[in-house]
N, C-alpha and C. Protein backbone atom coordinates (compact mmCIF):
# COMPACT_ATOMS: atom_id res chain seq x y z
N MET A 1 94.62 96.42 77.44
CA MET A 1 93.74 95.73 78.37
C MET A 1 93.58 96.58 79.63
N VAL A 2 92.35 96.77 80.04
CA VAL A 2 92.03 97.57 81.21
C VAL A 2 92.12 96.70 82.47
N THR A 3 92.78 97.22 83.49
CA THR A 3 92.86 96.54 84.78
C THR A 3 91.91 97.24 85.75
N TRP A 4 90.83 96.55 86.08
CA TRP A 4 89.82 97.10 86.99
C TRP A 4 90.23 96.87 88.43
N PRO A 5 89.80 97.71 89.36
CA PRO A 5 88.92 98.86 89.24
C PRO A 5 89.63 100.06 88.63
N CYS A 6 88.82 101.06 88.27
CA CYS A 6 89.32 102.26 87.61
C CYS A 6 88.70 103.50 88.23
N LEU A 7 89.20 104.64 87.79
CA LEU A 7 88.62 105.93 88.14
C LEU A 7 88.21 106.65 86.87
N LEU A 8 87.09 107.33 86.92
CA LEU A 8 86.66 108.19 85.83
C LEU A 8 86.98 109.62 86.23
N LYS A 9 87.78 110.30 85.41
CA LYS A 9 88.19 111.69 85.65
C LYS A 9 87.52 112.56 84.61
N LEU A 10 86.63 113.43 85.08
CA LEU A 10 85.94 114.36 84.18
C LEU A 10 86.72 115.67 84.12
N ASP A 11 86.92 116.17 82.92
CA ASP A 11 87.67 117.41 82.72
C ASP A 11 87.00 118.57 83.45
N GLY A 12 87.80 119.34 84.17
CA GLY A 12 87.28 120.52 84.85
C GLY A 12 86.59 120.23 86.17
N ASP A 13 86.65 119.01 86.65
CA ASP A 13 85.98 118.62 87.90
C ASP A 13 86.96 117.82 88.75
N ASP A 14 87.09 118.19 90.02
CA ASP A 14 88.00 117.47 90.91
C ASP A 14 87.44 116.14 91.39
N GLU A 15 86.11 115.98 91.31
CA GLU A 15 85.51 114.74 91.78
C GLU A 15 85.89 113.58 90.86
N LEU A 16 86.24 112.46 91.46
CA LEU A 16 86.56 111.23 90.74
C LEU A 16 85.44 110.22 90.96
N ILE A 17 85.19 109.39 89.97
CA ILE A 17 84.15 108.37 90.08
C ILE A 17 84.81 107.01 90.06
N TYR A 18 84.59 106.25 91.13
CA TYR A 18 85.16 104.90 91.26
C TYR A 18 84.34 103.93 90.41
N LEU A 19 85.04 103.11 89.63
CA LEU A 19 84.39 102.13 88.75
C LEU A 19 84.93 100.74 89.04
N ARG A 20 84.07 99.84 89.50
CA ARG A 20 84.49 98.47 89.78
C ARG A 20 84.65 97.65 88.50
N SER A 21 83.86 98.00 87.48
CA SER A 21 83.82 97.17 86.28
C SER A 21 83.36 98.00 85.08
N HIS A 22 83.41 97.38 83.92
CA HIS A 22 82.93 98.05 82.71
C HIS A 22 81.43 98.34 82.81
N ALA A 23 80.69 97.48 83.49
CA ALA A 23 79.26 97.72 83.69
C ALA A 23 79.03 99.01 84.48
N ASP A 24 79.87 99.26 85.49
CA ASP A 24 79.78 100.52 86.24
C ASP A 24 80.05 101.71 85.33
N LEU A 25 81.04 101.57 84.46
CA LEU A 25 81.36 102.63 83.51
C LEU A 25 80.16 102.93 82.61
N ASP A 26 79.56 101.89 82.04
CA ASP A 26 78.39 102.09 81.17
C ASP A 26 77.27 102.78 81.93
N SER A 27 77.04 102.36 83.16
CA SER A 27 75.99 102.95 83.98
C SER A 27 76.26 104.43 84.25
N GLU A 28 77.48 104.76 84.62
CA GLU A 28 77.84 106.16 84.88
C GLU A 28 77.74 107.01 83.62
N CYS A 29 78.20 106.47 82.50
CA CYS A 29 78.21 107.24 81.26
C CYS A 29 76.81 107.49 80.71
N GLU A 30 75.86 106.62 81.05
CA GLU A 30 74.47 106.86 80.65
C GLU A 30 73.94 108.14 81.27
N ALA A 31 74.36 108.41 82.49
CA ALA A 31 73.82 109.54 83.25
C ALA A 31 74.65 110.82 83.07
N LEU A 32 75.77 110.74 82.39
CA LEU A 32 76.67 111.89 82.27
C LEU A 32 76.74 112.40 80.84
N ILE A 33 77.05 113.67 80.74
CA ILE A 33 77.46 114.23 79.45
C ILE A 33 78.97 114.38 79.55
N TRP A 34 79.69 113.52 78.84
CA TRP A 34 81.15 113.57 78.94
C TRP A 34 81.73 114.10 77.64
N GLY A 35 82.95 114.61 77.76
CA GLY A 35 83.59 115.23 76.62
C GLY A 35 84.88 114.55 76.23
N PRO A 36 85.53 115.08 75.21
CA PRO A 36 86.74 114.45 74.68
C PRO A 36 87.94 114.49 75.64
N ASP A 37 87.89 115.34 76.65
CA ASP A 37 89.00 115.43 77.59
C ASP A 37 88.78 114.63 78.87
N ASP A 38 87.66 113.92 78.95
CA ASP A 38 87.40 113.03 80.09
C ASP A 38 88.11 111.71 79.83
N TYR A 39 88.53 111.04 80.90
CA TYR A 39 89.27 109.79 80.70
C TYR A 39 89.14 108.87 81.90
N VAL A 40 89.51 107.62 81.68
CA VAL A 40 89.52 106.59 82.71
C VAL A 40 90.97 106.26 83.06
N ILE A 41 91.22 106.05 84.35
CA ILE A 41 92.54 105.64 84.84
C ILE A 41 92.38 104.24 85.41
N ASP A 42 93.14 103.27 84.89
CA ASP A 42 93.02 101.92 85.43
C ASP A 42 93.98 101.71 86.59
N SER A 43 93.95 100.53 87.19
CA SER A 43 94.75 100.24 88.39
C SER A 43 96.25 100.21 88.14
N ASN A 44 96.67 100.25 86.89
CA ASN A 44 98.09 100.33 86.56
C ASN A 44 98.52 101.74 86.18
N GLY A 45 97.58 102.69 86.21
CA GLY A 45 97.89 104.07 85.84
C GLY A 45 97.69 104.36 84.37
N ASN A 46 97.29 103.35 83.59
CA ASN A 46 97.03 103.56 82.16
C ASN A 46 95.78 104.42 81.99
N THR A 47 95.79 105.27 80.96
CA THR A 47 94.64 106.13 80.72
C THR A 47 93.95 105.72 79.43
N PHE A 48 92.63 105.96 79.42
CA PHE A 48 91.79 105.56 78.29
C PHE A 48 90.77 106.66 78.02
N GLY A 49 90.65 107.03 76.75
CA GLY A 49 89.61 107.95 76.34
C GLY A 49 88.28 107.22 76.21
N LEU A 50 87.20 107.99 76.19
CA LEU A 50 85.85 107.42 76.12
C LEU A 50 85.25 107.61 74.74
N GLN A 51 84.58 106.58 74.25
CA GLN A 51 83.83 106.65 73.00
C GLN A 51 82.62 105.74 73.11
N TYR A 52 81.60 106.03 72.31
CA TYR A 52 80.46 105.11 72.19
C TYR A 52 80.64 104.29 70.94
N ASN A 53 80.19 103.03 70.97
CA ASN A 53 80.19 102.23 69.75
C ASN A 53 78.78 102.18 69.18
N ASP A 54 78.58 101.41 68.12
CA ASP A 54 77.29 101.36 67.44
C ASP A 54 76.16 100.83 68.32
N SER A 55 76.49 100.02 69.30
CA SER A 55 75.45 99.48 70.18
C SER A 55 75.26 100.35 71.43
N ASN A 56 75.79 101.57 71.40
CA ASN A 56 75.63 102.55 72.47
C ASN A 56 76.22 102.11 73.81
N THR A 57 77.29 101.34 73.77
CA THR A 57 78.03 101.04 74.98
C THR A 57 79.35 101.81 74.93
N THR A 58 79.94 101.99 76.08
CA THR A 58 81.16 102.78 76.18
C THR A 58 82.37 101.95 75.81
N VAL A 59 83.19 102.50 74.94
CA VAL A 59 84.43 101.85 74.52
C VAL A 59 85.59 102.67 75.07
N LEU A 60 86.57 101.98 75.64
CA LEU A 60 87.76 102.64 76.16
C LEU A 60 88.88 102.56 75.14
N GLN A 61 89.40 103.71 74.75
CA GLN A 61 90.48 103.81 73.78
C GLN A 61 91.78 104.09 74.51
N PRO A 62 92.77 103.21 74.42
CA PRO A 62 94.05 103.44 75.10
C PRO A 62 94.68 104.76 74.66
N GLU A 63 95.23 105.48 75.63
CA GLU A 63 95.96 106.71 75.37
C GLU A 63 97.43 106.49 75.66
N GLU A 64 98.26 107.37 75.19
CA GLU A 64 99.71 107.26 75.37
C GLU A 64 100.14 107.49 76.81
N ARG A 65 99.37 108.25 77.55
CA ARG A 65 99.77 108.70 78.88
C ARG A 65 99.53 107.62 79.94
N THR A 66 100.51 107.42 80.81
CA THR A 66 100.38 106.57 81.99
C THR A 66 100.68 107.45 83.20
N LEU A 67 99.79 107.41 84.19
CA LEU A 67 99.96 108.23 85.38
C LEU A 67 100.75 107.49 86.45
N SER A 68 101.59 108.22 87.14
CA SER A 68 102.37 107.66 88.25
C SER A 68 101.51 107.64 89.51
N VAL A 69 101.99 106.95 90.52
CA VAL A 69 101.27 106.93 91.80
C VAL A 69 101.19 108.34 92.38
N GLU A 70 102.20 109.16 92.17
CA GLU A 70 102.17 110.54 92.65
C GLU A 70 101.08 111.35 91.95
N GLU A 71 100.94 111.15 90.64
CA GLU A 71 99.91 111.88 89.89
C GLU A 71 98.50 111.45 90.32
N VAL A 72 98.30 110.15 90.51
CA VAL A 72 97.00 109.65 90.95
C VAL A 72 96.72 110.12 92.38
N THR A 73 97.74 110.11 93.22
CA THR A 73 97.57 110.61 94.59
C THR A 73 97.14 112.07 94.59
N SER A 74 97.74 112.87 93.73
CA SER A 74 97.38 114.28 93.62
C SER A 74 95.92 114.44 93.19
N LEU A 75 95.47 113.63 92.24
CA LEU A 75 94.07 113.68 91.81
C LEU A 75 93.14 113.31 92.97
N ILE A 76 93.52 112.29 93.74
CA ILE A 76 92.70 111.86 94.87
C ILE A 76 92.70 112.92 95.97
N GLN A 77 93.83 113.57 96.20
CA GLN A 77 93.87 114.65 97.18
C GLN A 77 92.92 115.78 96.77
N SER A 78 92.93 116.14 95.49
CA SER A 78 92.01 117.18 95.00
C SER A 78 90.56 116.73 95.16
N HIS A 79 90.30 115.47 94.86
CA HIS A 79 88.96 114.90 95.01
C HIS A 79 88.50 115.00 96.46
N GLU A 80 89.33 114.54 97.39
CA GLU A 80 88.97 114.56 98.81
C GLU A 80 88.82 115.99 99.32
N PHE A 81 89.67 116.90 98.85
CA PHE A 81 89.56 118.30 99.25
C PHE A 81 88.22 118.88 98.80
N SER A 82 87.80 118.54 97.58
CA SER A 82 86.52 119.04 97.06
C SER A 82 85.34 118.53 97.88
N LEU A 83 85.50 117.35 98.47
CA LEU A 83 84.44 116.78 99.31
C LEU A 83 84.57 117.22 100.77
N ALA A 84 85.72 117.81 101.12
CA ALA A 84 86.01 118.28 102.48
C ALA A 84 85.82 117.16 103.51
N GLN A 85 86.32 115.96 103.19
CA GLN A 85 86.12 114.82 104.08
C GLN A 85 87.38 114.36 104.80
N ARG A 86 88.55 114.66 104.26
CA ARG A 86 89.79 114.15 104.87
C ARG A 86 90.87 115.21 104.83
N CYS A 87 91.82 115.05 105.72
CA CYS A 87 93.02 115.87 105.68
C CYS A 87 93.89 115.36 104.53
N ILE A 88 94.04 116.16 103.49
CA ILE A 88 94.72 115.66 102.28
C ILE A 88 96.20 115.43 102.49
N ILE A 89 96.80 116.05 103.49
CA ILE A 89 98.23 115.85 103.74
C ILE A 89 98.51 114.40 104.14
N LYS A 90 97.54 113.75 104.75
CA LYS A 90 97.72 112.37 105.22
C LYS A 90 97.46 111.33 104.14
N ILE A 91 97.14 111.75 102.94
CA ILE A 91 96.83 110.81 101.86
C ILE A 91 98.10 110.46 101.11
N HIS A 92 98.54 109.21 101.26
CA HIS A 92 99.73 108.70 100.56
C HIS A 92 99.48 107.26 100.16
N PHE A 93 99.99 106.87 99.01
CA PHE A 93 99.81 105.51 98.51
C PHE A 93 101.12 104.99 97.95
N THR A 94 101.26 103.67 97.93
CA THR A 94 102.48 103.06 97.38
C THR A 94 102.27 102.55 95.96
N SER A 95 101.02 102.47 95.50
CA SER A 95 100.75 102.03 94.13
C SER A 95 99.48 102.69 93.62
N VAL A 96 99.34 102.72 92.30
CA VAL A 96 98.12 103.26 91.70
C VAL A 96 96.93 102.42 92.12
N GLN A 97 97.09 101.10 92.13
CA GLN A 97 95.99 100.22 92.52
C GLN A 97 95.52 100.54 93.95
N GLN A 98 96.44 100.72 94.87
CA GLN A 98 96.09 101.06 96.25
C GLN A 98 95.35 102.40 96.30
N ALA A 99 95.78 103.36 95.49
CA ALA A 99 95.14 104.66 95.45
C ALA A 99 93.70 104.54 94.96
N ILE A 100 93.50 103.79 93.89
CA ILE A 100 92.16 103.63 93.34
C ILE A 100 91.25 102.89 94.32
N GLU A 101 91.77 101.85 94.93
CA GLU A 101 90.98 101.08 95.90
C GLU A 101 90.55 101.94 97.09
N ALA A 102 91.31 102.99 97.40
CA ALA A 102 90.95 103.86 98.52
C ALA A 102 89.62 104.56 98.30
N LEU A 103 89.20 104.70 97.06
CA LEU A 103 87.93 105.36 96.76
C LEU A 103 86.78 104.38 96.62
N ALA A 104 87.00 103.13 96.93
CA ALA A 104 85.95 102.11 96.78
C ALA A 104 84.76 102.37 97.69
N ASN A 105 84.98 103.02 98.79
CA ASN A 105 83.87 103.23 99.75
C ASN A 105 83.24 104.56 99.57
């Protein structure tokens, strides 16, 4: 079960995409060419691979890997550095959910 909101992590790109809901995921995936190494991170740190089903909607496949708050923080620091918007040293979170919510704006 996916706990929203989530982040979409595209392989080879530091930018993260904030997803409030599955509808946001479908909307983003319509406009993207994504690959087998792209994945979604939910608010608990669980990771999910992307697939299309027969009705052309995005299906999230659970993966074995769960990310820690430190790993998600590192991804967000890389994301913010790529945007050159914040001092990445000051970015710290106490939970994965808090980290994901930080990208809501």
